Amino acid sequence: GLIIETSGPKDEVVKFLPPLIIDEDGLNKGFDILDESIA
């Protein structure tokens, strides 16, 4: 449930480009999903 893309010449970067209006709760939920995904 997280929309996130890669960037860089070899797609080596996980890129964070959320809407500027996102609240802290949304940021933390997104990073929680990312943390779980990496694990």
Full PDB file with SEQRES, HELIX, SHEET, SSBOND, CRYST1, ORIGX, SCALE, CONECT and MASTER records, all heavy atoms in Angstrom:
SEQRES   1 A   39  GLY LEU ILE ILE GLU THR SER GLY PRO LYS ASP GLU VAL          
SEQRES   2 A   39  VAL LYS PHE LEU PRO PRO LEU ILE ILE ASP GLU ASP GLY          
SEQRES   3 A   39  LEU ASN LYS GLY PHE ASP ILE LEU ASP GLU SER ILE ALA          
HELIX    1 AA1 GLU A   24  ILE A   38  1                                  15    
SHEET    1 AA1 2 GLU A   5  SER A   7  0                                        
SHEET    2 AA1 2 VAL A  13  LYS A  15 -1                                        
CRYST1    1.000    1.000    1.000  90.00  90.00  90.00 P 1           1          
ORIGX1      1.000000  0.000000  0.000000        0.00000                         
ORIGX2      0.000000  1.000000  0.000000        0.00000                         
ORIGX3      0.000000  0.000000  1.000000        0.00000                         
SCALE1      1.000000  0.000000  0.000000        0.00000                         
SCALE2      0.000000  1.000000  0.000000        0.00000                         
SCALE3      0.000000  0.000000  1.000000        0.00000                         
ATOM      1  N   GLY A   1       0.774  -1.231   0.000  1.00  0.00           N  
ATOM      2  CA  GLY A   1       0.000   0.000   0.000  1.00  0.00           C  
ATOM      3  C   GLY A   1       0.807   1.284   0.000  1.00  0.00           C  
ATOM      4  O   GLY A   1       0.344   2.308   0.518  1.00  0.00           O  
ATOM      5  N   LEU A   2       2.006   1.256  -0.611  1.00  0.00           N  
ATOM      6  CA  LEU A   2       2.826   2.462  -0.712  1.00  0.00           C  
ATOM      7  C   LEU A   2       3.275   2.636  -2.160  1.00  0.00           C  
ATOM      8  O   LEU A   2       3.874   1.737  -2.741  1.00  0.00           O  
ATOM      9  CB  LEU A   2       4.046   2.366   0.204  1.00  0.00           C  
ATOM     10  CG  LEU A   2       5.031   3.545   0.141  1.00  0.00           C  
ATOM     11  CD1 LEU A   2       4.396   4.824   0.673  1.00  0.00           C  
ATOM     12  CD2 LEU A   2       6.317   3.221   0.928  1.00  0.00           C  
ATOM     13  N   ILE A   3       2.987   3.802  -2.727  1.00  0.00           N  
ATOM     14  CA  ILE A   3       3.423   4.131  -4.076  1.00  0.00           C  
ATOM     15  C   ILE A   3       4.768   4.846  -3.970  1.00  0.00           C  
ATOM     16  O   ILE A   3       4.860   5.957  -3.445  1.00  0.00           O  
ATOM     17  CB  ILE A   3       2.409   5.048  -4.792  1.00  0.00           C  
ATOM     18  CG1 ILE A   3       1.024   4.400  -4.830  1.00  0.00           C  
ATOM     19  CG2 ILE A   3       2.899   5.403  -6.190  1.00  0.00           C  
ATOM     20  CD1 ILE A   3       0.941   3.177  -5.685  1.00  0.00           C  
ATOM     21  N   ILE A   4       5.804   4.198  -4.480  1.00  0.00           N  
ATOM     22  CA  ILE A   4       7.145   4.766  -4.388  1.00  0.00           C  
ATOM     23  C   ILE A   4       7.943   4.300  -5.599  1.00  0.00           C  
ATOM     24  O   ILE A   4       7.726   3.187  -6.096  1.00  0.00           O  
ATOM     25  CB  ILE A   4       7.823   4.339  -3.059  1.00  0.00           C  
ATOM     26  CG1 ILE A   4       9.058   5.183  -2.781  1.00  0.00           C  
ATOM     27  CG2 ILE A   4       8.126   2.867  -3.032  1.00  0.00           C  
ATOM     28  CD1 ILE A   4       9.559   5.042  -1.353  1.00  0.00           C  
ATOM     29  N   GLU A   5       8.832   5.153  -6.108  1.00  0.00           N  
ATOM     30  CA  GLU A   5       9.581   4.794  -7.305  1.00  0.00           C  
ATOM     31  C   GLU A   5      11.082   4.830  -7.067  1.00  0.00           C  
ATOM     32  O   GLU A   5      11.561   5.232  -6.001  1.00  0.00           O  
ATOM     33  CB  GLU A   5       9.224   5.725  -8.473  1.00  0.00           C  
ATOM     34  CG  GLU A   5       9.712   7.144  -8.312  1.00  0.00           C  
ATOM     35  CD  GLU A   5       9.747   7.917  -9.624  1.00  0.00           C  
ATOM     36  OE1 GLU A   5       9.748   7.295 -10.700  1.00  0.00           O  
ATOM     37  OE2 GLU A   5       9.774   9.157  -9.561  1.00  0.00           O  
ATOM     38  N   THR A   6      11.815   4.425  -8.088  1.00  0.00           N  
ATOM     39  CA  THR A   6      13.271   4.450  -8.049  1.00  0.00           C  
ATOM     40  C   THR A   6      13.784   5.565  -8.959  1.00  0.00           C  
ATOM     41  O   THR A   6      13.063   6.085  -9.802  1.00  0.00           O  
ATOM     42  CB  THR A   6      13.861   3.114  -8.527  1.00  0.00           C  
ATOM     43  OG1 THR A   6      13.455   2.880  -9.884  1.00  0.00           O  
ATOM     44  CG2 THR A   6      13.394   1.976  -7.653  1.00  0.00           C  
ATOM     45  N   SER A   7      15.034   5.941  -8.774  1.00  0.00           N  
ATOM     46  CA  SER A   7      15.680   6.877  -9.695  1.00  0.00           C  
ATOM     47  C   SER A   7      17.168   6.576  -9.720  1.00  0.00           C  
ATOM     48  O   SER A   7      17.659   5.717  -8.985  1.00  0.00           O  
ATOM     49  CB  SER A   7      15.421   8.327  -9.276  1.00  0.00           C  
ATOM     50  OG  SER A   7      16.199   8.688  -8.155  1.00  0.00           O  
ATOM     51  N   GLY A   8      17.889   7.307 -10.562  1.00  0.00           N  
ATOM     52  CA  GLY A   8      19.313   7.082 -10.706  1.00  0.00           C  
ATOM     53  C   GLY A   8      19.625   6.325 -11.982  1.00  0.00           C  
ATOM     54  O   GLY A   8      18.750   5.661 -12.562  1.00  0.00           O  
ATOM     55  N   PRO A   9      20.857   6.388 -12.456  1.00  0.00           N  
ATOM     56  CA  PRO A   9      21.228   5.739 -13.721  1.00  0.00           C  
ATOM     57  C   PRO A   9      21.046   4.233 -13.721  1.00  0.00           C  
ATOM     58  O   PRO A   9      20.858   3.616 -14.764  1.00  0.00           O  
ATOM     59  CB  PRO A   9      22.706   6.129 -13.902  1.00  0.00           C  
ATOM     60  CG  PRO A   9      23.183   6.545 -12.551  1.00  0.00           C  
ATOM     61  CD  PRO A   9      21.992   7.132 -11.865  1.00  0.00           C  
ATOM     62  N   LYS A  10      21.095   3.613 -12.566  1.00  0.00           N  
ATOM     63  CA  LYS A  10      20.880   2.165 -12.461  1.00  0.00           C  
ATOM     64  C   LYS A  10      19.666   1.851 -11.585  1.00  0.00           C  
ATOM     65  O   LYS A  10      19.551   0.756 -11.050  1.00  0.00           O  
ATOM     66  CB  LYS A  10      22.130   1.487 -11.887  1.00  0.00           C  
ATOM     67  CG  LYS A  10      23.376   1.626 -12.740  1.00  0.00           C  
ATOM     68  CD  LYS A  10      24.529   0.784 -12.229  1.00  0.00           C  
ATOM     69  CE  LYS A  10      25.012   1.271 -10.860  1.00  0.00           C  
ATOM     70  NZ  LYS A  10      26.171   0.485 -10.374  1.00  0.00           N  
ATOM     71  N   ASP A  11      18.746   2.837 -11.455  1.00  0.00           N  
ATOM     72  CA  ASP A  11      17.578   2.674 -10.571  1.00  0.00           C  
ATOM     73  C   ASP A  11      18.008   2.258  -9.177  1.00  0.00           C  
ATOM     74  O   ASP A  11      17.358   1.444  -8.515  1.00  0.00           O  
ATOM     75  CB  ASP A  11      16.595   1.642 -11.143  1.00  0.00           C  
ATOM     76  CG  ASP A  11      15.814   2.190 -12.316  1.00  0.00           C  
ATOM     77  OD1 ASP A  11      15.548   3.403 -12.335  1.00  0.00           O  
ATOM     78  OD2 ASP A  11      15.476   1.412 -13.230  1.00  0.00           O  
ATOM     79  N   GLU A  12      19.106   2.838  -8.706  1.00  0.00           N  
ATOM     80  CA  GLU A  12      19.689   2.422  -7.433  1.00  0.00           C  
ATOM     81  C   GLU A  12      19.189   3.223  -6.232  1.00  0.00           C  
ATOM     82  O   GLU A  12      19.582   2.949  -5.098  1.00  0.00           O  
ATOM     83  CB  GLU A  12      21.226   2.527  -7.504  1.00  0.00           C  
ATOM     84  CG  GLU A  12      21.788   3.947  -7.456  1.00  0.00           C  
ATOM     85  CD  GLU A  12      21.799   4.685  -8.788  1.00  0.00           C  
ATOM     86  OE1 GLU A  12      21.103   4.227  -9.717  1.00  0.00           O  
ATOM     87  OE2 GLU A  12      22.488   5.710  -8.902  1.00  0.00           O  
ATOM     88  N   VAL A  13      18.314   4.192  -6.472  1.00  0.00           N  
ATOM     89  CA  VAL A  13      17.839   5.062  -5.389  1.00  0.00           C  
ATOM     90  C   VAL A  13      16.344   4.868  -5.165  1.00  0.00           C  
ATOM     91  O   VAL A  13      15.556   4.919  -6.118  1.00  0.00           O  
ATOM     92  CB  VAL A  13      18.122   6.548  -5.707  1.00  0.00           C  
ATOM     93  CG1 VAL A  13      17.626   7.443  -4.565  1.00  0.00           C  
ATOM     94  CG2 VAL A  13      19.602   6.782  -5.955  1.00  0.00           C  
ATOM     95  N   VAL A  14      15.949   4.613  -3.921  1.00  0.00           N  
ATOM     96  CA  VAL A  14      14.534   4.638  -3.543  1.00  0.00           C  
ATOM     97  C   VAL A  14      14.195   6.106  -3.270  1.00  0.00           C  
ATOM     98  O   VAL A  14      14.802   6.739  -2.404  1.00  0.00           O  
ATOM     99  CB  VAL A  14      14.259   3.781  -2.293  1.00  0.00           C  
ATOM    100  CG1 VAL A  14      12.784   3.861  -1.920  1.00  0.00           C  
ATOM    101  CG2 VAL A  14      14.656   2.334  -2.552  1.00  0.00           C  
ATOM    102  N   LYS A  15      13.240   6.626  -4.013  1.00  0.00           N  
ATOM    103  CA  LYS A  15      13.000   8.064  -4.089  1.00  0.00           C  
ATOM    104  C   LYS A  15      11.730   8.456  -3.331  1.00  0.00           C  
ATOM    105  O   LYS A  15      10.670   7.877  -3.555  1.00  0.00           O  
ATOM    106  CB  LYS A  15      12.872   8.448  -5.563  1.00  0.00           C  
ATOM    107  CG  LYS A  15      12.623   9.900  -5.875  1.00  0.00           C  
ATOM    108  CD  LYS A  15      12.533  10.048  -7.393  1.00  0.00           C  
ATOM    109  CE  LYS A  15      12.289  11.469  -7.828  1.00  0.00           C  
ATOM    110  NZ  LYS A  15      12.161  11.557  -9.308  1.00  0.00           N  
ATOM    111  N   PHE A  16      11.858   9.449  -2.453  1.00  0.00           N  
ATOM    112  CA  PHE A  16      10.717   9.907  -1.651  1.00  0.00           C  
ATOM    113  C   PHE A  16      10.265  11.277  -2.161  1.00  0.00           C  
ATOM    114  O   PHE A  16      10.986  12.256  -2.041  1.00  0.00           O  
ATOM    115  CB  PHE A  16      11.104   9.994  -0.177  1.00  0.00           C  
ATOM    116  CG  PHE A  16      11.779   8.750   0.327  1.00  0.00           C  
ATOM    117  CD1 PHE A  16      13.073   8.785   0.828  1.00  0.00           C  
ATOM    118  CD2 PHE A  16      11.125   7.535   0.280  1.00  0.00           C  
ATOM    119  CE1 PHE A  16      13.697   7.634   1.277  1.00  0.00           C  
ATOM    120  CE2 PHE A  16      11.738   6.373   0.727  1.00  0.00           C  
ATOM    121  CZ  PHE A  16      13.025   6.423   1.231  1.00  0.00           C  
ATOM    122  N   LEU A  17       9.051  11.305  -2.711  1.00  0.00           N  
ATOM    123  CA  LEU A  17       8.518  12.522  -3.319  1.00  0.00           C  
ATOM    124  C   LEU A  17       7.036  12.679  -2.933  1.00  0.00           C  
ATOM    125  O   LEU A  17       6.169  12.769  -3.800  1.00  0.00           O  
ATOM    126  CB  LEU A  17       8.663  12.417  -4.837  1.00  0.00           C  
ATOM    127  CG  LEU A  17       8.974  13.672  -5.642  1.00  0.00           C  
ATOM    128  CD1 LEU A  17      10.360  14.200  -5.307  1.00  0.00           C  
ATOM    129  CD2 LEU A  17       8.893  13.364  -7.135  1.00  0.00           C  
ATOM    130  N   PRO A  18       6.731  12.704  -1.635  1.00  0.00           N  
ATOM    131  CA  PRO A  18       5.324  12.783  -1.225  1.00  0.00           C  
ATOM    132  C   PRO A  18       4.744  14.166  -1.498  1.00  0.00           C  
ATOM    133  O   PRO A  18       5.488  15.144  -1.640  1.00  0.00           O  
ATOM    134  CB  PRO A  18       5.390  12.514   0.279  1.00  0.00           C  
ATOM    135  CG  PRO A  18       6.737  13.041   0.672  1.00  0.00           C  
ATOM    136  CD  PRO A  18       7.647  12.713  -0.479  1.00  0.00           C  
ATOM    137  N   PRO A  19       3.415  14.288  -1.582  1.00  0.00           N  
ATOM    138  CA  PRO A  19       2.819  15.625  -1.656  1.00  0.00           C  
ATOM    139  C   PRO A  19       3.274  16.472  -0.477  1.00  0.00           C  
ATOM    140  O   PRO A  19       3.434  15.961   0.642  1.00  0.00           O  
ATOM    141  CB  PRO A  19       1.314  15.334  -1.594  1.00  0.00           C  
ATOM    142  CG  PRO A  19       1.172  13.935  -2.086  1.00  0.00           C  
ATOM    143  CD  PRO A  19       2.398  13.223  -1.608  1.00  0.00           C  
ATOM    144  N   LEU A  20       3.485  17.746  -0.712  1.00  0.00           N  
ATOM    145  CA  LEU A  20       3.980  18.628   0.353  1.00  0.00           C  
ATOM    146  C   LEU A  20       2.975  18.791   1.479  1.00  0.00           C  
ATOM    147  O   LEU A  20       3.343  19.162   2.596  1.00  0.00           O  
ATOM    148  CB  LEU A  20       4.333  20.002  -0.222  1.00  0.00           C  
ATOM    149  CG  LEU A  20       5.335  20.023  -1.383  1.00  0.00           C  
ATOM    150  CD1 LEU A  20       5.643  21.461  -1.784  1.00  0.00           C  
ATOM    151  CD2 LEU A  20       6.613  19.279  -1.031  1.00  0.00           C  
ATOM    152  N   ILE A  21       1.714  18.511   1.199  1.00  0.00           N  
ATOM    153  CA  ILE A  21       0.654  18.694   2.202  1.00  0.00           C  
ATOM    154  C   ILE A  21       0.496  17.476   3.106  1.00  0.00           C  
ATOM    155  O   ILE A  21      -0.326  17.489   4.025  1.00  0.00           O  
ATOM    156  CB  ILE A  21      -0.690  19.030   1.536  1.00  0.00           C  
ATOM    157  CG1 ILE A  21      -1.041  18.018   0.425  1.00  0.00           C  
ATOM    158  CG2 ILE A  21      -0.640  20.432   0.945  1.00  0.00           C  
ATOM    159  CD1 ILE A  21      -1.672  16.748   0.839  1.00  0.00           C  
ATOM    160  N   ILE A  22       1.278  16.430   2.880  1.00  0.00           N  
ATOM    161  CA  ILE A  22       1.165  15.226   3.700  1.00  0.00           C  
ATOM    162  C   ILE A  22       1.427  15.566   5.164  1.00  0.00           C  
ATOM    163  O   ILE A  22       2.247  16.440   5.478  1.00  0.00           O  
ATOM    164  CB  ILE A  22       2.157  14.140   3.210  1.00  0.00           C  
ATOM    165  CG1 ILE A  22       1.837  12.780   3.837  1.00  0.00           C  
ATOM    166  CG2 ILE A  22       3.599  14.558   3.465  1.00  0.00           C  
ATOM    167  CD1 ILE A  22       2.623  11.626   3.219  1.00  0.00           C  
ATOM    168  N   ASP A  23       0.717  14.908   6.066  1.00  0.00           N  
ATOM    169  CA  ASP A  23       0.949  15.161   7.494  1.00  0.00           C  
ATOM    170  C   ASP A  23       1.975  14.165   8.033  1.00  0.00           C  
ATOM    171  O   ASP A  23       2.395  13.231   7.343  1.00  0.00           O  
ATOM    172  CB  ASP A  23      -0.350  15.105   8.292  1.00  0.00           C  
ATOM    173  CG  ASP A  23      -1.122  13.804   8.121  1.00  0.00           C  
ATOM    174  OD1 ASP A  23      -0.491  12.759   7.853  1.00  0.00           O  
ATOM    175  OD2 ASP A  23      -2.364  13.826   8.243  1.00  0.00           O  
ATOM    176  N   GLU A  24       2.392  14.377   9.277  1.00  0.00           N  
ATOM    177  CA  GLU A  24       3.431  13.521   9.863  1.00  0.00           C  
ATOM    178  C   GLU A  24       2.951  12.089  10.008  1.00  0.00           C  
ATOM    179  O   GLU A  24       3.735  11.147   9.870  1.00  0.00           O  
ATOM    180  CB  GLU A  24       3.881  14.089  11.211  1.00  0.00           C  
ATOM    181  CG  GLU A  24       4.641  15.396  11.089  1.00  0.00           C  
ATOM    182  CD  GLU A  24       5.285  15.838  12.397  1.00  0.00           C  
ATOM    183  OE1 GLU A  24       5.163  15.093  13.399  1.00  0.00           O  
ATOM    184  OE2 GLU A  24       5.923  16.910  12.409  1.00  0.00           O  
ATOM    185  N   ASP A  25       1.667  11.921  10.266  1.00  0.00           N  
ATOM    186  CA  ASP A  25       1.107  10.576  10.386  1.00  0.00           C  
ATOM    187  C   ASP A  25       1.262   9.832   9.058  1.00  0.00           C  
ATOM    188  O   ASP A  25       1.648   8.656   9.029  1.00  0.00           O  
ATOM    189  CB  ASP A  25      -0.364  10.652  10.796  1.00  0.00           C  
ATOM    190  CG  ASP A  25      -0.977   9.283  11.021  1.00  0.00           C  
ATOM    191  OD1 ASP A  25      -0.452   8.520  11.853  1.00  0.00           O  
ATOM    192  OD2 ASP A  25      -1.985   8.968  10.355  1.00  0.00           O  
ATOM    193  N   GLY A  26       0.963  10.517   7.968  1.00  0.00           N  
ATOM    194  CA  GLY A  26       1.099   9.898   6.652  1.00  0.00           C  
ATOM    195  C   GLY A  26       2.538   9.546   6.330  1.00  0.00           C  
ATOM    196  O   GLY A  26       2.825   8.475   5.776  1.00  0.00           O  
ATOM    197  N   LEU A  27       3.455  10.442   6.669  1.00  0.00           N  
ATOM    198  CA  LEU A  27       4.875  10.151   6.443  1.00  0.00           C  
ATOM    199  C   LEU A  27       5.331   8.934   7.237  1.00  0.00           C  
ATOM    200  O   LEU A  27       6.007   8.045   6.713  1.00  0.00           O  
ATOM    201  CB  LEU A  27       5.728  11.370   6.827  1.00  0.00           C  
ATOM    202  CG  LEU A  27       5.713  12.559   5.867  1.00  0.00           C  
ATOM    203  CD1 LEU A  27       6.426  13.746   6.486  1.00  0.00           C  
ATOM    204  CD2 LEU A  27       6.347  12.197   4.526  1.00  0.00           C  
ATOM    205  N   ASN A  28       4.942   8.891   8.508  1.00  0.00           N  
ATOM    206  CA  ASN A  28       5.365   7.773   9.353  1.00  0.00           C  
ATOM    207  C   ASN A  28       4.746   6.454   8.894  1.00  0.00           C  
ATOM    208  O   ASN A  28       5.423   5.416   8.886  1.00  0.00           O  
ATOM    209  CB  ASN A  28       5.013   8.053  10.813  1.00  0.00           C  
ATOM    210  CG  ASN A  28       6.020   8.983  11.476  1.00  0.00           C  
ATOM    211  OD1 ASN A  28       7.225   8.842  11.280  1.00  0.00           O  
ATOM    212  ND2 ASN A  28       5.532   9.936  12.256  1.00  0.00           N  
ATOM    213  N   LYS A  29       3.476   6.483   8.476  1.00  0.00           N  
ATOM    214  CA  LYS A  29       2.855   5.255   7.974  1.00  0.00           C  
ATOM    215  C   LYS A  29       3.562   4.766   6.710  1.00  0.00           C  
ATOM    216  O   LYS A  29       3.796   3.569   6.532  1.00  0.00           O  
ATOM    217  CB  LYS A  29       1.375   5.496   7.692  1.00  0.00           C  
ATOM    218  CG  LYS A  29       0.508   5.568   8.940  1.00  0.00           C  
ATOM    219  CD  LYS A  29      -0.964   5.783   8.583  1.00  0.00           C  
ATOM    220  CE  LYS A  29      -1.824   5.826   9.840  1.00  0.00           C  
ATOM    221  NZ  LYS A  29      -3.258   6.106   9.516  1.00  0.00           N  
ATOM    222  N   GLY A  30       3.900   5.720   5.837  1.00  0.00           N  
ATOM    223  CA  GLY A  30       4.610   5.351   4.619  1.00  0.00           C  
ATOM    224  C   GLY A  30       5.966   4.734   4.915  1.00  0.00           C  
ATOM    225  O   GLY A  30       6.344   3.713   4.328  1.00  0.00           O  
ATOM    226  N   PHE A  31       6.697   5.328   5.848  1.00  0.00           N  
ATOM    227  CA  PHE A  31       8.020   4.793   6.186  1.00  0.00           C  
ATOM    228  C   PHE A  31       7.914   3.480   6.951  1.00  0.00           C  
ATOM    229  O   PHE A  31       8.806   2.628   6.852  1.00  0.00           O  
ATOM    230  CB  PHE A  31       8.837   5.827   6.958  1.00  0.00           C  
ATOM    231  CG  PHE A  31       9.622   6.734   6.059  1.00  0.00           C  
ATOM    232  CD1 PHE A  31       9.138   7.986   5.732  1.00  0.00           C  
ATOM    233  CD2 PHE A  31      10.828   6.314   5.516  1.00  0.00           C  
ATOM    234  CE1 PHE A  31       9.852   8.817   4.875  1.00  0.00           C  
ATOM    235  CE2 PHE A  31      11.556   7.133   4.663  1.00  0.00           C  
ATOM    236  CZ  PHE A  31      11.061   8.398   4.337  1.00  0.00           C  
ATOM    237  N   ASP A  32       6.829   3.298   7.702  1.00  0.00           N  
ATOM    238  CA  ASP A  32       6.620   2.004   8.355  1.00  0.00           C  
ATOM    239  C   ASP A  32       6.454   0.904   7.308  1.00  0.00           C  
ATOM    240  O   ASP A  32       7.001  -0.201   7.442  1.00  0.00           O  
ATOM    241  CB  ASP A  32       5.387   2.054   9.261  1.00  0.00           C  
ATOM    242  CG  ASP A  32       5.607   2.875  10.520  1.00  0.00           C  
ATOM    243  OD1 ASP A  32       6.775   3.163  10.852  1.00  0.00           O  
ATOM    244  OD2 ASP A  32       4.600   3.249  11.178  1.00  0.00           O  
ATOM    245  N   ILE A  33       5.676   1.213   6.261  1.00  0.00           N  
ATOM    246  CA  ILE A  33       5.492   0.247   5.167  1.00  0.00           C  
ATOM    247  C   ILE A  33       6.825  -0.037   4.487  1.00  0.00           C  
ATOM    248  O   ILE A  33       7.158  -1.184   4.174  1.00  0.00           O  
ATOM    249  CB  ILE A  33       4.457   0.768   4.150  1.00  0.00           C  
ATOM    250  CG1 ILE A  33       3.063   0.820   4.777  1.00  0.00           C  
ATOM    251  CG2 ILE A  33       4.445  -0.105   2.888  1.00  0.00           C  
ATOM    252  CD1 ILE A  33       2.017   1.492   3.897  1.00  0.00           C  
ATOM    253  N   LEU A  34       7.600   1.017   4.254  1.00  0.00           N  
ATOM    254  CA  LEU A  34       8.904   0.840   3.619  1.00  0.00           C  
ATOM    255  C   LEU A  34       9.808  -0.036   4.477  1.00  0.00           C  
ATOM    256  O   LEU A  34      10.487  -0.943   3.966  1.00  0.00           O  
ATOM    257  CB  LEU A  34       9.557   2.202   3.384  1.00  0.00           C  
ATOM    258  CG  LEU A  34      10.945   2.152   2.735  1.00  0.00           C  
ATOM    259  CD1 LEU A  34      10.851   1.661   1.299  1.00  0.00           C  
ATOM    260  CD2 LEU A  34      11.617   3.515   2.802  1.00  0.00           C  
ATOM    261  N   ASP A  35       9.821   0.223   5.774  1.00  0.00           N  
ATOM    262  CA  ASP A  35      10.644  -0.567   6.707  1.00  0.00           C  
ATOM    263  C   ASP A  35      10.250  -2.043   6.626  1.00  0.00           C  
ATOM    264  O   ASP A  35      11.110  -2.936   6.519  1.00  0.00           O  
ATOM    265  CB  ASP A  35      10.444  -0.015   8.119  1.00  0.00           C  
ATOM    266  CG  ASP A  35      11.484  -0.540   9.103  1.00  0.00           C  
ATOM    267  OD1 ASP A  35      11.896  -1.704   8.980  1.00  0.00           O  
ATOM    268  OD2 ASP A  35      11.880   0.224  10.003  1.00  0.00           O  
ATOM    269  N   GLU A  36       8.945  -2.311   6.669  1.00  0.00           N  
ATOM    270  CA  GLU A  36       8.446  -3.696   6.585  1.00  0.00           C  
ATOM    271  C   GLU A  36       8.843  -4.332   5.256  1.00  0.00           C  
ATOM    272  O   GLU A  36       9.189  -5.526   5.193  1.00  0.00           O  
ATOM    273  CB  GLU A  36       6.933  -3.711   6.735  1.00  0.00           C  
ATOM    274  CG  GLU A  36       6.435  -3.266   8.106  1.00  0.00           C  
ATOM    275  CD  GLU A  36       4.940  -2.925   8.098  1.00  0.00           C  
ATOM    276  OE1 GLU A  36       4.310  -3.097   7.011  1.00  0.00           O  
ATOM    277  OE2 GLU A  36       4.422  -2.485   9.140  1.00  0.00           O  
ATOM    278  N   SER A  37       8.798  -3.532   4.204  1.00  0.00           N  
ATOM    279  CA  SER A  37       9.119  -4.041   2.861  1.00  0.00           C  
ATOM    280  C   SER A  37      10.583  -4.412   2.753  1.00  0.00           C  
ATOM    281  O   SER A  37      10.951  -5.448   2.166  1.00  0.00           O  
ATOM    282  CB  SER A  37       8.759  -2.999   1.798  1.00  0.00           C  
ATOM    283  OG  SER A  37       7.386  -2.654   1.860  1.00  0.00           O  
ATOM    284  N   ILE A  38      11.452  -3.572   3.306  1.00  0.00           N  
ATOM    285  CA  ILE A  38      12.887  -3.869   3.281  1.00  0.00           C  
ATOM    286  C   ILE A  38      13.178  -5.156   4.063  1.00  0.00           C  
ATOM    287  O   ILE A  38      13.932  -6.024   3.612  1.00  0.00           O  
ATOM    288  CB  ILE A  38      13.686  -2.685   3.866  1.00  0.00           C  
ATOM    289  CG1 ILE A  38      13.569  -1.469   2.937  1.00  0.00           C  
ATOM    290  CG2 ILE A  38      15.144  -3.054   4.064  1.00  0.00           C  
ATOM    291  CD1 ILE A  38      14.142  -0.185   3.521  1.00  0.00           C  
ATOM    292  N   ALA A  39      12.560  -5.252   5.233  1.00  0.00           N  
ATOM    293  CA  ALA A  39      12.760  -6.445   6.055  1.00  0.00           C  
ATOM    294  C   ALA A  39      12.326  -7.703   5.311  1.00  0.00           C  
ATOM    295  O   ALA A  39      13.019  -8.735   5.344  1.00  0.00           O  
ATOM    296  CB  ALA A  39      11.995  -6.306   7.374  1.00  0.00           C  
TER     297      ALA A  39                                                      
MASTER        0    0    0    1    2    0    0    6  296    1    0    3          
END                                                                             
